[in-house]
PDB file of N, CA and C in Angstrom:
ATOM      1  N   MET A   1      -9.578 119.623-103.014  1.00  0.00           N
ATOM      2  CA  MET A   1      -8.531 118.692-103.227  1.00  0.00           C
ATOM      3  C   MET A   1      -9.036 117.329-103.704  1.00  0.00           C
ATOM      4  N   ASN A   2     -10.366 117.323-103.797  1.00  0.00           N
ATOM      5  CA  ASN A   2     -10.833 115.927-104.209  1.00  0.00           C
ATOM      6  C   ASN A   2     -10.607 115.790-105.781  1.00  0.00           C
ATOM      7  N   GLY A   3     -10.709 114.712-106.239  1.00  0.00           N
ATOM      8  CA  GLY A   3     -10.522 114.408-107.569  1.00  0.00           C
ATOM      9  C   GLY A   3      -9.005 113.900-107.912  1.00  0.00           C
ATOM     10  N   THR A   4      -8.358 114.672-108.719  1.00  0.00           N
ATOM     11  CA  THR A   4      -7.033 114.108-109.327  1.00  0.00           C
ATOM     12  C   THR A   4      -5.962 113.865-108.265  1.00  0.00           C
ATOM     13  N   TRP A   5      -5.793 114.635-107.165  1.00  0.00           N
ATOM     14  CA  TRP A   5      -4.735 114.473-106.381  1.00  0.00           C
ATOM     15  C   TRP A   5      -5.000 113.709-105.191  1.00  0.00           C
ATOM     16  N   SER A   6      -6.180 113.279-104.854  1.00  0.00           N
ATOM     17  CA  SER A   6      -6.660 112.603-103.616  1.00  0.00           C
ATOM     18  C   SER A   6      -5.993 111.288-103.484  1.00  0.00           C
ATOM     19  N   TRP A   7      -6.088 110.332-104.466  1.00  0.00           N
ATOM     20  CA  TRP A   7      -5.462 109.085-104.274  1.00  0.00           C
ATOM     21  C   TRP A   7      -3.949 109.113-104.359  1.00  0.00           C
ATOM     22  N   PRO A   8      -3.405 109.980-105.289  1.00  0.00           N
ATOM     23  CA  PRO A   8      -1.920 109.940-105.330  1.00  0.00           C
ATOM     24  C   PRO A   8      -1.352 110.382-103.961  1.00  0.00           C
ATOM     25  N   LEU A   9      -1.910 111.528-103.266  1.00  0.00           N
ATOM     26  CA  LEU A   9      -1.451 111.816-102.009  1.00  0.00           C
ATOM     27  C   LEU A   9      -1.650 110.985-100.965  1.00  0.00           C
ATOM     28  N   LEU A  10      -2.839 110.233-100.892  1.00  0.00           N
ATOM     29  CA  LEU A  10      -3.070 109.095 -99.825  1.00  0.00           C
ATOM     30  C   LEU A  10      -1.924 108.067-100.061  1.00  0.00           C
ATOM     31  N   LEU A  11      -1.705 107.652-101.397  1.00  0.00           N
ATOM     32  CA  LEU A  11      -0.690 106.539-101.511  1.00  0.00           C
ATOM     33  C   LEU A  11       0.734 107.108-101.071  1.00  0.00           C
ATOM     34  N   ALA A  12       1.036 108.285-101.419  1.00  0.00           N
ATOM     35  CA  ALA A  12       2.270 108.960-101.003  1.00  0.00           C
ATOM     36  C   ALA A  12       2.410 108.963 -99.483  1.00  0.00           C
ATOM     37  N   ALA A  13       1.462 109.317 -98.783  1.00  0.00           N
ATOM     38  CA  ALA A  13       1.408 109.371 -97.386  1.00  0.00           C
ATOM     39  C   ALA A  13       1.740 107.976 -96.800  1.00  0.00           C
ATOM     40  N   LEU A  14       1.012 106.983 -97.347  1.00  0.00           N
ATOM     41  CA  LEU A  14       1.079 105.540 -96.869  1.00  0.00           C
ATOM     42  C   LEU A  14       2.522 105.117 -97.178  1.00  0.00           C
ATOM     43  N   THR A  15       3.118 105.403 -98.211  1.00  0.00           N
ATOM     44  CA  THR A  15       4.587 105.019 -98.473  1.00  0.00           C
ATOM     45  C   THR A  15       5.445 105.771 -97.486  1.00  0.00           C
ATOM     46  N   LEU A  16       5.275 107.083 -97.338  1.00  0.00           N
ATOM     47  CA  LEU A  16       6.051 107.773 -96.317  1.00  0.00           C
ATOM     48  C   LEU A  16       5.929 107.323 -94.956  1.00  0.00           C
ATOM     49  N   LEU A  17       4.769 106.930 -94.546  1.00  0.00           N
ATOM     50  CA  LEU A  17       4.645 106.312 -93.179  1.00  0.00           C
ATOM     51  C   LEU A  17       5.192 105.001 -93.099  1.00  0.00           C
ATOM     52  N   GLY A  18       5.110 104.164 -94.115  1.00  0.00           N
ATOM     53  CA  GLY A  18       5.738 102.894 -94.163  1.00  0.00           C
ATOM     54  C   GLY A  18       7.173 103.026 -94.151  1.00  0.00           C
ATOM     55  N   LEU A  19       7.896 103.863 -94.915  1.00  0.00           N
ATOM     56  CA  LEU A  19       9.252 104.002 -94.805  1.00  0.00           C
ATOM     57  C   LEU A  19       9.577 104.565 -93.464  1.00  0.00           C
ATOM     58  N   ALA A  20       9.048 105.461 -92.801  1.00  0.00           N
ATOM     59  CA  ALA A  20       9.262 105.983 -91.481  1.00  0.00           C
ATOM     60  C   ALA A  20       9.192 104.798 -90.309  1.00  0.00           C
ATOM     61  N   ALA A  21       8.196 103.934 -90.586  1.00  0.00           N
ATOM     62  CA  ALA A  21       7.889 102.793 -89.622  1.00  0.00           C
ATOM     63  C   ALA A  21       9.124 101.870 -89.629  1.00  0.00           C
ATOM     64  N   GLY A  22       9.625 101.771 -90.888  1.00  0.00           N
ATOM     65  CA  GLY A  22      10.818 100.969 -90.986  1.00  0.00           C
ATOM     66  C   GLY A  22      12.097 101.509 -90.233  1.00  0.00           C
ATOM     67  N   ILE A  23      12.175 102.688 -90.058  1.00  0.00           N
ATOM     68  CA  ILE A  23      13.265 103.424 -89.492  1.00  0.00           C
ATOM     69  C   ILE A  23      13.059 103.264 -87.869  1.00  0.00           C
ATOM     70  N   PHE A  24      11.836 103.307 -87.399  1.00  0.00           N
ATOM     71  CA  PHE A  24      11.499 103.608 -86.002  1.00  0.00           C
ATOM     72  C   PHE A  24      11.855 102.421 -85.134  1.00  0.00           C
ATOM     73  N   GLY A  25      11.659 101.164 -85.588  1.00  0.00           N
ATOM     74  CA  GLY A  25      12.057 100.229 -84.677  1.00  0.00           C
ATOM     75  C   GLY A  25      11.713  98.706 -85.264  1.00  0.00           C
ATOM     76  N   ASP A  26      11.538  97.731 -84.325  1.00  0.00           N
ATOM     77  CA  ASP A  26      11.327  96.411 -84.799  1.00  0.00           C
ATOM     78  C   ASP A  26       9.963  95.918 -84.256  1.00  0.00           C
ATOM     79  N   GLY A  27       9.589  94.679 -84.566  1.00  0.00           N
ATOM     80  CA  GLY A  27       8.251  94.257 -84.138  1.00  0.00           C
ATOM     81  C   GLY A  27       7.155  94.877 -84.894  1.00  0.00           C
ATOM     82  N   VAL A  28       6.317  95.526 -84.073  1.00  0.00           N
ATOM     83  CA  VAL A  28       5.120  96.159 -84.690  1.00  0.00           C
ATOM     84  C   VAL A  28       5.402  97.138 -85.746  1.00  0.00           C
ATOM     85  N   TRP A  29       6.586  97.879 -85.544  1.00  0.00           N
ATOM     86  CA  TRP A  29       6.951  98.733 -86.601  1.00  0.00           C
ATOM     87  C   TRP A  29       7.291  98.027 -87.958  1.00  0.00           C
ATOM     88  N   ASP A  30       7.852  96.817 -87.900  1.00  0.00           N
ATOM     89  CA  ASP A  30       8.145  96.173 -89.194  1.00  0.00           C
ATOM     90  C   ASP A  30       6.655  95.876 -89.803  1.00  0.00           C
ATOM     91  N   TRP A  31       5.870  95.386 -89.102  1.00  0.00           N
ATOM     92  CA  TRP A  31       4.489  95.129 -89.660  1.00  0.00           C
ATOM     93  C   TRP A  31       3.861  96.421 -90.269  1.00  0.00           C
ATOM     94  N   LEU A  32       4.081  97.364 -89.612  1.00  0.00           N
ATOM     95  CA  LEU A  32       3.582  98.707 -90.149  1.00  0.00           C
ATOM     96  C   LEU A  32       4.277  99.228 -91.471  1.00  0.00           C
ATOM     97  N   CYS A  33       5.481  98.855 -91.363  1.00  0.00           N
ATOM     98  CA  CYS A  33       6.370  99.160 -92.650  1.00  0.00           C
ATOM     99  C   CYS A  33       5.967  98.388 -93.903  1.00  0.00           C
ATOM    100  N   TRP A  34       5.693  97.019 -93.679  1.00  0.00           N
ATOM    101  CA  TRP A  34       5.170  96.154 -94.620  1.00  0.00           C
ATOM    102  C   TRP A  34       3.951  96.581 -95.201  1.00  0.00           C
ATOM    103  N   ALA A  35       2.999  96.952 -94.407  1.00  0.00           N
ATOM    104  CA  ALA A  35       1.600  97.411 -94.718  1.00  0.00           C
ATOM    105  C   ALA A  35       1.606  98.594 -95.479  1.00  0.00           C
ATOM    106  N   GLY A  36       2.474  99.627 -94.955  1.00  0.00           N
ATOM    107  CA  GLY A  36       2.533 100.912 -95.477  1.00  0.00           C
ATOM    108  C   GLY A  36       3.146 100.953 -96.924  1.00  0.00           C
ATOM    109  N   LEU A  37       3.968  99.957 -97.261  1.00  0.00           N
ATOM    110  CA  LEU A  37       4.626  99.849 -98.493  1.00  0.00           C
ATOM    111  C   LEU A  37       3.940  98.870 -99.402  1.00  0.00           C
ATOM    112  N   ALA A  38       3.130  97.970 -98.894  1.00  0.00           N
ATOM    113  CA  ALA A  38       2.462  97.052 -99.678  1.00  0.00           C
ATOM    114  C   ALA A  38       1.172  97.528-100.216  1.00  0.00           C
ATOM    115  N   VAL A  39       0.422  98.349 -99.356  1.00  0.00           N
ATOM    116  CA  VAL A  39      -0.895  98.930 -99.922  1.00  0.00           C
ATOM    117  C   VAL A  39      -0.738  99.566-101.346  1.00  0.00           C
ATOM    118  N   PRO A  40       0.100 100.671-101.366  1.00  0.00           N
ATOM    119  CA  PRO A  40       0.350 101.316-102.698  1.00  0.00           C
ATOM    120  C   PRO A  40       0.614 100.382-103.813  1.00  0.00           C
ATOM    121  N   VAL A  41       1.532  99.400-103.561  1.00  0.00           N
ATOM    122  CA  VAL A  41       1.916  98.558-104.632  1.00  0.00           C
ATOM    123  C   VAL A  41       0.590  97.683-105.034  1.00  0.00           C
ATOM    124  N   TRP A  42      -0.133  97.212-104.083  1.00  0.00           N
ATOM    125  CA  TRP A  42      -1.296  96.389-104.424  1.00  0.00           C
ATOM    126  C   TRP A  42      -2.293  97.312-105.265  1.00  0.00           C
ATOM    127  N   VAL A  43      -2.431  98.576-104.848  1.00  0.00           N
ATOM    128  CA  VAL A  43      -3.409  99.393-105.589  1.00  0.00           C
ATOM    129  C   VAL A  43      -2.999  99.729-106.993  1.00  0.00           C
ATOM    130  N   VAL A  44      -1.786  99.982-107.172  1.00  0.00           N
ATOM    131  CA  VAL A  44      -1.241 100.163-108.580  1.00  0.00           C
ATOM    132  C   VAL A  44      -1.420  98.820-109.393  1.00  0.00           C
ATOM    133  N   ALA A  45      -1.059  97.649-108.915  1.00  0.00           N
ATOM    134  CA  ALA A  45      -1.094  96.520-109.517  1.00  0.00           C
ATOM    135  C   ALA A  45      -2.657  96.150-109.918  1.00  0.00           C
ATOM    136  N   ARG A  46      -3.563  96.282-109.110  1.00  0.00           N
ATOM    137  CA  ARG A  46      -4.978  96.296-109.339  1.00  0.00           C
ATOM    138  C   ARG A  46      -5.437  97.179-110.437  1.00  0.00           C
ATOM    139  N   LYS A  47      -5.112  98.316-110.372  1.00  0.00           N
ATOM    140  CA  LYS A  47      -5.456  99.296-111.442  1.00  0.00           C
ATOM    141  C   LYS A  47      -4.899  98.854-112.834  1.00  0.00           C
ATOM    142  N   LEU A  48      -3.570  98.441-112.815  1.00  0.00           N
ATOM    143  CA  LEU A  48      -2.985  98.136-114.018  1.00  0.00           C
ATOM    144  C   LEU A  48      -3.649  96.803-114.570  1.00  0.00           C
ATOM    145  N   ARG A  49      -4.153  95.793-113.730  1.00  0.00           N
ATOM    146  CA  ARG A  49      -4.782  94.592-114.103  1.00  0.00           C
ATOM    147  C   ARG A  49      -6.089  95.017-114.756  1.00  0.00           C
ATOM    148  N   LEU A  50      -6.882  95.809-114.100  1.00  0.00           N
ATOM    149  CA  LEU A  50      -8.093  96.295-114.639  1.00  0.00           C
ATOM    150  C   LEU A  50      -7.924  97.065-115.945  1.00  0.00           C
ATOM    151  N   HIS A  51      -7.027  97.777-116.099  1.00  0.00           N
ATOM    152  CA  HIS A  51      -6.760  98.537-117.329  1.00  0.00           C
ATOM    153  C   HIS A  51      -6.395  97.632-118.474  1.00  0.00           C
ATOM    154  N   TRP A  52      -5.494  96.609-118.172  1.00  0.00           N
ATOM    155  CA  TRP A  52      -5.172  95.729-119.217  1.00  0.00           C
ATOM    156  C   TRP A  52      -6.347  94.886-119.605  1.00  0.00           C
ATOM    157  N   ARG A  53      -7.016  94.380-118.759  1.00  0.00           N
ATOM    158  CA  ARG A  53      -8.206  93.574-119.044  1.00  0.00           C
ATOM    159  C   ARG A  53      -9.261  94.432-119.944  1.00  0.00           C
ATOM    160  N   ALA A  54      -9.457  95.720-119.627  1.00  0.00           N
ATOM    161  CA  ALA A  54     -10.360  96.487-120.442  1.00  0.00           C
ATOM    162  C   ALA A  54      -9.733  96.732-121.909  1.00  0.00           C
ATOM    163  N   ARG A  55      -8.410  96.749-122.023  1.00  0.00           N
ATOM    164  CA  ARG A  55      -7.843  96.844-123.286  1.00  0.00           C
ATOM    165  C   ARG A  55      -7.907  95.654-124.123  1.00  0.00           C
ATOM    166  N   ALA A  56      -7.836  94.432-123.401  1.00  0.00           N
ATOM    167  CA  ALA A  56      -7.800  93.114-124.025  1.00  0.00           C
ATOM    168  C   ALA A  56      -9.133  92.823-124.668  1.00  0.00           C
ATOM    169  N   ARG A  57     -10.309  93.354-124.163  1.00  0.00           N
ATOM    170  CA  ARG A  57     -11.655  93.082-124.708  1.00  0.00           C
ATOM    171  C   ARG A  57     -11.726  93.571-125.906  1.00  0.00           C
ATOM    172  N   PRO A  58     -12.359  92.888-126.929  1.00  0.00           N
ATOM    173  CA  PRO A  58     -12.651  93.377-128.246  1.00  0.00           C
ATOM    174  C   PRO A  58     -13.974  94.340-128.006  1.00  0.00           C
ATOM    175  N   ASP A  59     -13.956  95.352-128.815  1.00  0.00           N
ATOM    176  CA  ASP A  59     -15.057  96.265-128.685  1.00  0.00           C
ATOM    177  C   ASP A  59     -16.317  95.529-129.395  1.00  0.00           C
ATOM    178  N   ALA A  60     -17.403  95.568-128.785  1.00  0.00           N
ATOM    179  CA  ALA A  60     -18.569  94.852-129.371  1.00  0.00           C
ATOM    180  C   ALA A  60     -19.570  95.865-129.796  1.00  0.00           C
TER     181      ALA A  60
END
């Protein structure tokens, strides 16, 4: 299962845990919810930024 599906499954698990933490309660659960939902968004944004930078560079 290494390779293509490792990262998407990890990000999906983090998202699911973040959504579940939002349902469980308040306080620490809210922080777990924010972390679980923010990490996948951050990873995708970082990958997009790196991809766009690579496309913007002229081939030398």
